[in-house]
Amino acid sequence: MHKLKQKSKFYFPRTPLLIEIERRCASPDCGAKNVIGLTKPEAIEYRGFDCAECGSRNDDQLAQAEIPASWLAAI
């Protein structure tokens, strides 16, 4: 008699690997739109960005609504 093999069940939870935020440069002469992609470790450390257009530093923080719920425990 052959024993039936149980089907292996794999569980791969779906969690975001990357978030994308959009910011405008605060420089009065620039105002360029910057699209910034952040991984979870980068999001934890995020404190601002350098404008892709003019290179000026923009201090910034993520709003809680911009962070996936599954990441909030680590931040």
Protein backbone atom coordinates (compact mmCIF):
# COMPACT_ATOMS: atom_id res chain seq x y z
CA MET A 1 0.00 0.00 0.00
CA HIS A 2 1.29 3.43 -0.93
CA LYS A 3 1.23 6.15 1.65
CA LEU A 4 0.02 9.46 0.41
CA LYS A 5 2.56 12.21 0.79
CA GLN A 6 1.33 15.26 2.54
CA LYS A 7 1.66 18.34 0.44
CA SER A 8 4.25 20.70 1.76
CA LYS A 9 2.81 24.04 2.61
CA PHE A 10 5.05 27.03 2.40
CA TYR A 11 4.15 30.35 3.86
CA PHE A 12 5.79 33.45 2.45
CA PRO A 13 4.43 36.51 4.20
CA ARG A 14 4.14 39.48 1.90
CA THR A 15 5.94 42.44 3.35
CA PRO A 16 7.02 45.54 1.48
CA LEU A 17 10.69 45.52 0.53
CA LEU A 18 10.76 49.14 -0.52
CA ILE A 19 8.69 52.26 0.01
CA GLU A 20 8.69 55.26 -2.25
CA ILE A 21 8.18 58.79 -0.98
CA GLU A 22 7.89 62.06 -2.88
CA ARG A 23 9.36 65.28 -1.57
CA ARG A 24 9.91 68.78 -2.94
CA CYS A 25 13.20 70.58 -2.46
CA ALA A 26 12.83 73.34 0.16
CA SER A 27 15.30 75.62 -1.61
CA PRO A 28 13.42 78.71 -2.88
CA ASP A 29 15.40 78.64 -6.13
CA CYS A 30 14.68 74.98 -6.82
CA GLY A 31 11.48 73.29 -5.59
CA ALA A 32 12.23 70.18 -7.67
CA LYS A 33 10.25 67.00 -7.06
CA ASN A 34 12.38 64.19 -5.63
CA VAL A 35 11.17 60.59 -5.59
CA ILE A 36 13.04 58.62 -2.95
CA GLY A 37 13.01 54.83 -2.58
CA LEU A 38 13.79 53.49 0.89
CA THR A 39 14.34 49.99 2.20
CA LYS A 40 13.34 49.19 5.77
CA PRO A 41 16.85 49.88 7.20
CA GLU A 42 17.05 53.13 5.21
CA ALA A 43 13.60 54.20 6.41
CA ILE A 44 14.66 53.68 10.03
CA GLU A 45 17.68 55.94 9.53
CA TYR A 46 15.96 58.47 7.22
CA ARG A 47 16.50 62.06 8.31
CA GLY A 48 16.43 63.89 4.99
CA PHE A 49 17.62 63.89 1.40
CA ASP A 50 19.93 65.69 -1.00
CA CYS A 51 18.01 67.25 -3.87
CA ALA A 52 18.66 65.45 -7.15
CA GLU A 53 18.38 68.76 -9.04
CA CYS A 54 20.39 71.30 -7.01
CA GLY A 55 22.14 69.08 -4.46
CA SER A 56 20.96 71.04 -1.40
CA ARG A 57 20.35 69.13 1.82
CA ASN A 58 16.73 68.90 2.99
CA ASP A 59 16.14 67.77 6.57
CA ASP A 60 13.06 65.58 6.74
CA GLN A 61 11.37 62.75 8.60
CA LEU A 62 8.86 60.14 7.58
CA ALA A 63 5.28 60.53 8.72
CA GLN A 64 3.84 57.48 10.48
CA ALA A 65 1.29 57.11 7.66
CA GLU A 66 4.14 56.66 5.14
CA ILE A 67 5.58 53.66 6.96
CA PRO A 68 4.12 50.19 6.36
CA ALA A 69 2.43 48.85 9.52
CA SER A 70 4.71 45.80 9.50
CA TRP A 71 7.75 48.09 9.81
CA LEU A 72 6.48 50.24 12.67
CA ALA A 73 7.71 47.89 15.41
CA ALA A 74 11.33 48.37 14.25
CA ILE A 75 11.23 52.15 14.00
